Structures are given as structure tokens and as C-alpha cells.
Amino acid sequence: MSHNELLLGLGFIVIILIIISFIKKVAKIVIYALIGLLVFFVINAISSNKSPEAVFNSTKSDAVYTKEIYSYTGKIKTAVDNTMKGIENRALPQLKEENKNLHKYLDEVTKLPHGKELDSFHEKYCNYLENIVVTSDTVVKSGDFINGTTKSAEEAKDKINKALDGLTNMKVNP
């Protein structure tokens, strides 16, 4: 065996020892994190008179709820942005479509399952969303009214013009 092969083998052993040491430290961190979570669930279970399993399931459902709320917040923001563009462009069909979307989101969000810890947040979120939906309803109704008024005004204008034409074209017959 040559001197270079011996150093290469020694270097390889040192690298393996470093990797094993790193893996041990990561394993310790994971174990401490799991013990911390277990202690958290046990303390919560004792303080709320629930089983640790119930606390774990509640925490799990709250995590799913939080993910869903985040998703709906993006959808709602997009719908509101599209509504604002529809108002600027006076595009009533777009306003109606986004209003339907907002109603659908409100219906779905109110039915999301969540733990008691998030009741207050859920209620506030739904109240804000209801306010957005009511405002959107008002915008759509105003758009319908304006369209109806515009049509009525156009029809009245046509009638007045026809009557004026008839009036100006009248001749006195002696």
C-alpha cells in the first residue's frame, strides 16, 4: 500500500465520521422536537380536559383550516380585483360572475371545520367576507339599475325625438 492510498483511505474515514456525526445531531434535534410536541399535546390535553389524541386531531384540523383559509384569501382577493376592474370598465357580466364567486366562497368558508381555538378568527373572517359580498351585491344591483335606467332613458329619448319629429313636421291645413 502506498502513502497516497493510505491518506486517501484516512480521508474517506474522516468524511464518513463527519457524516455520521451530522446524522446523529439531526436525529437528536428531531427527537427533541418530537418530545417537545408530545409535551405540548399533553399539557394542552391536561389544561383543556381532553385526551392527547383529541388535542392532536384538533391541531391537525386547525392546520388544514389555516391552509384552506390561505387558499380562499387568494381567491377572494382575485375576485375583488376583478370586481374593481369590472367597475372601472362598467362590465356588468363580469361583476355578476365575480359576485357569484364571492357568494360561493362565503358559503364554502362558513362550512370549513375548525377547532374552538379558531372560532373567534373564523367569525371575524366570515364577517369581513360577508361585508365584501354585501358590497358586491350592491354594486351588481346598482349596475342593473343603471343599465335599466340607461335603457329607459334611451327609449324615452327615442320617443321624444319621434314626437319632436312629428311636431316639427306638422303642417296646418286651412
Protein backbone atom coordinates (compact mmCIF):
# COMPACT_ATOMS: atom_id res chain seq x y z
CA MET A 1 0.00 0.00 0.00
CA SER A 2 1.34 3.39 -0.95
CA HIS A 3 1.43 6.55 1.07
CA ASN A 4 -1.24 8.23 -1.15
CA GLU A 5 -3.66 5.33 -0.80
CA LEU A 6 -3.24 5.42 2.97
CA LEU A 7 -4.03 9.18 3.10
CA LEU A 8 -7.00 8.71 0.76
CA GLY A 9 -8.37 5.92 2.97
CA LEU A 10 -7.84 8.02 6.11
CA GLY A 11 -9.59 11.00 4.46
CA PHE A 12 -12.50 8.76 3.48
CA ILE A 13 -12.84 7.51 7.08
CA VAL A 14 -12.81 11.12 8.40
CA ILE A 15 -15.55 12.13 5.94
CA ILE A 16 -17.68 9.14 6.97
CA LEU A 17 -17.21 10.05 10.66
CA ILE A 18 -18.27 13.66 9.96
CA ILE A 19 -21.38 12.49 8.10
CA ILE A 20 -22.28 10.07 10.92
CA SER A 21 -21.79 12.85 13.48
CA PHE A 22 -24.06 15.16 11.45
CA ILE A 23 -26.73 12.45 11.17
CA LYS A 24 -26.58 11.90 14.95
CA LYS A 25 -27.09 15.63 15.60
CA VAL A 26 -30.04 15.79 13.19
CA ALA A 27 -31.55 12.72 14.87
CA LYS A 28 -31.17 14.36 18.29
CA ILE A 29 -32.86 17.54 17.05
CA VAL A 30 -35.75 15.51 15.61
CA ILE A 31 -36.11 13.54 18.84
CA TYR A 32 -36.11 16.74 20.94
CA ALA A 33 -38.70 18.29 18.61
CA LEU A 34 -40.94 15.23 18.89
CA ILE A 35 -40.58 15.24 22.69
CA GLY A 36 -41.45 18.96 22.69
CA LEU A 37 -44.56 18.31 20.60
CA LEU A 38 -45.57 15.45 22.89
CA VAL A 39 -45.16 17.67 25.96
CA PHE A 40 -47.18 20.40 24.22
CA PHE A 41 -50.03 17.99 23.46
CA VAL A 42 -50.01 16.54 26.97
CA ILE A 43 -50.04 20.00 28.61
CA ASN A 44 -52.84 21.15 26.30
CA ALA A 45 -54.77 17.97 26.98
CA ILE A 46 -54.43 18.39 30.74
CA SER A 47 -55.38 22.09 30.66
CA SER A 48 -58.40 21.55 28.41
CA ASN A 49 -59.52 18.23 29.94
CA LYS A 50 -59.15 16.44 26.62
CA SER A 51 -57.20 13.40 25.61
CA PRO A 52 -53.84 13.99 23.90
CA GLU A 53 -55.33 12.35 20.82
CA ALA A 54 -58.18 14.89 20.74
CA VAL A 55 -55.71 17.75 21.10
CA PHE A 56 -53.60 16.30 18.27
CA ASN A 57 -56.64 15.92 16.00
CA SER A 58 -57.76 19.46 16.82
CA THR A 59 -54.31 20.81 15.99
CA LYS A 60 -54.29 18.83 12.76
CA SER A 61 -57.73 20.11 11.70
CA ASP A 62 -56.68 23.68 12.57
CA ALA A 63 -53.63 23.31 10.32
CA VAL A 64 -55.86 22.14 7.45
CA TYR A 65 -58.26 25.02 8.19
CA THR A 66 -55.41 27.53 8.09
CA LYS A 67 -54.24 26.17 4.74
CA GLU A 68 -57.78 26.40 3.33
CA ILE A 69 -58.26 29.96 4.62
CA TYR A 70 -54.99 30.97 2.96
CA SER A 71 -56.22 29.47 -0.31
CA TYR A 72 -59.62 31.20 -0.09
CA THR A 73 -57.99 34.53 0.76
CA GLY A 74 -56.15 34.42 -2.57
CA LYS A 75 -59.33 33.51 -4.46
CA ILE A 76 -61.29 36.27 -2.73
CA LYS A 77 -58.60 38.84 -3.47
CA THR A 78 -58.67 37.85 -7.15
CA ALA A 79 -62.47 38.13 -7.24
CA VAL A 80 -62.36 41.56 -5.60
CA ASP A 81 -59.65 42.73 -8.01
CA ASN A 82 -61.75 41.53 -10.95
CA THR A 83 -64.79 43.28 -9.47
CA MET A 84 -62.83 46.53 -9.28
CA LYS A 85 -61.79 46.14 -12.92
CA GLY A 86 -65.41 45.40 -13.79
CA ILE A 87 -66.50 48.60 -12.05
CA GLU A 88 -63.88 50.62 -13.94
CA ASN A 89 -64.89 49.06 -17.26
CA ARG A 90 -68.59 49.05 -16.42
CA ALA A 91 -68.72 45.36 -17.30
CA LEU A 92 -71.90 44.14 -15.63
CA PRO A 93 -71.49 40.48 -16.72
CA GLN A 94 -68.04 40.41 -15.09
CA LEU A 95 -69.47 41.95 -11.93
CA LYS A 96 -72.22 39.34 -11.80
CA GLU A 97 -69.74 36.48 -12.33
CA GLU A 98 -67.44 37.68 -9.56
CA ASN A 99 -70.46 38.21 -7.30
CA LYS A 100 -71.42 34.56 -7.82
CA ASN A 101 -67.86 33.52 -7.00
CA LEU A 102 -67.87 35.58 -3.80
CA HIS A 103 -71.19 34.02 -2.72
CA LYS A 104 -69.73 30.56 -3.40
CA TYR A 105 -66.60 31.36 -1.38
CA LEU A 106 -68.66 32.67 1.53
CA ASP A 107 -70.76 29.52 1.54
CA GLU A 108 -67.68 27.28 1.46
CA VAL A 109 -65.71 29.24 4.07
CA THR A 110 -68.57 29.25 6.58
CA LYS A 111 -68.66 25.44 6.39
CA LEU A 112 -64.92 24.90 6.98
CA PRO A 113 -64.29 22.71 10.05
CA HIS A 114 -62.06 24.21 12.73
CA GLY A 115 -61.26 23.91 16.42
CA LYS A 116 -62.70 26.02 19.20
CA GLU A 117 -59.44 27.96 19.42
CA LEU A 118 -60.15 29.43 15.97
CA ASP A 119 -63.84 30.26 16.49
CA SER A 120 -63.16 33.96 17.04
CA PHE A 121 -60.91 34.18 13.97
CA HIS A 122 -63.42 32.25 11.86
CA GLU A 123 -66.28 34.51 12.92
CA LYS A 124 -64.32 37.69 12.11
CA TYR A 125 -63.14 36.30 8.77
CA CYS A 126 -66.69 35.36 7.80
CA ASN A 127 -67.98 38.79 8.88
CA TYR A 128 -65.43 40.55 6.67
CA LEU A 129 -66.26 38.22 3.79
CA GLU A 130 -69.99 38.87 4.30
CA ASN A 131 -69.33 42.62 4.12
CA ILE A 132 -67.45 42.11 0.84
CA VAL A 133 -70.33 40.01 -0.55
CA VAL A 134 -72.98 42.55 0.50
CA THR A 135 -70.98 45.34 -1.11
CA SER A 136 -70.62 43.25 -4.27
CA ASP A 137 -74.40 42.64 -4.24
CA THR A 138 -74.95 46.39 -4.01
CA VAL A 139 -72.61 47.03 -6.93
CA VAL A 140 -74.42 44.45 -9.08
CA LYS A 141 -77.84 45.88 -8.17
CA SER A 142 -76.60 49.40 -8.93
CA GLY A 143 -75.27 48.16 -12.27
CA ASP A 144 -78.64 46.57 -13.08
CA PHE A 145 -80.41 49.78 -12.06
CA ILE A 146 -78.05 51.94 -14.13
CA ASN A 147 -78.45 49.64 -17.15
CA GLY A 148 -82.23 49.71 -16.72
CA THR A 149 -82.19 53.49 -16.29
CA THR A 150 -79.93 53.89 -19.33
CA LYS A 151 -82.27 51.72 -21.43
CA SER A 152 -85.29 53.65 -20.18
CA ALA A 153 -83.53 56.94 -20.89
CA GLU A 154 -82.66 55.75 -24.43
CA GLU A 155 -86.25 54.64 -25.03
CA ALA A 156 -87.55 57.95 -23.66
CA LYS A 157 -85.08 59.84 -25.85
CA ASP A 158 -86.26 57.92 -28.93
CA LYS A 159 -89.91 58.63 -28.06
CA ILE A 160 -89.17 62.32 -27.51
CA ASN A 161 -87.27 62.52 -30.81
CA LYS A 162 -90.16 60.82 -32.66
CA ALA A 163 -92.65 63.16 -31.02
CA LEU A 164 -90.44 66.17 -31.84
CA ASP A 165 -90.12 65.00 -35.45
CA GLY A 166 -93.89 64.62 -35.61
CA LEU A 167 -94.33 68.06 -34.08
CA THR A 168 -91.90 69.77 -36.43
CA ASN A 169 -93.34 68.02 -39.45
CA MET A 170 -96.88 69.05 -38.66
CA LYS A 171 -98.50 71.38 -41.10
CA VAL A 172 -101.53 73.47 -40.61
CA ASN A 173 -104.25 72.56 -43.03
CA PRO A 174 -106.56 75.52 -43.72
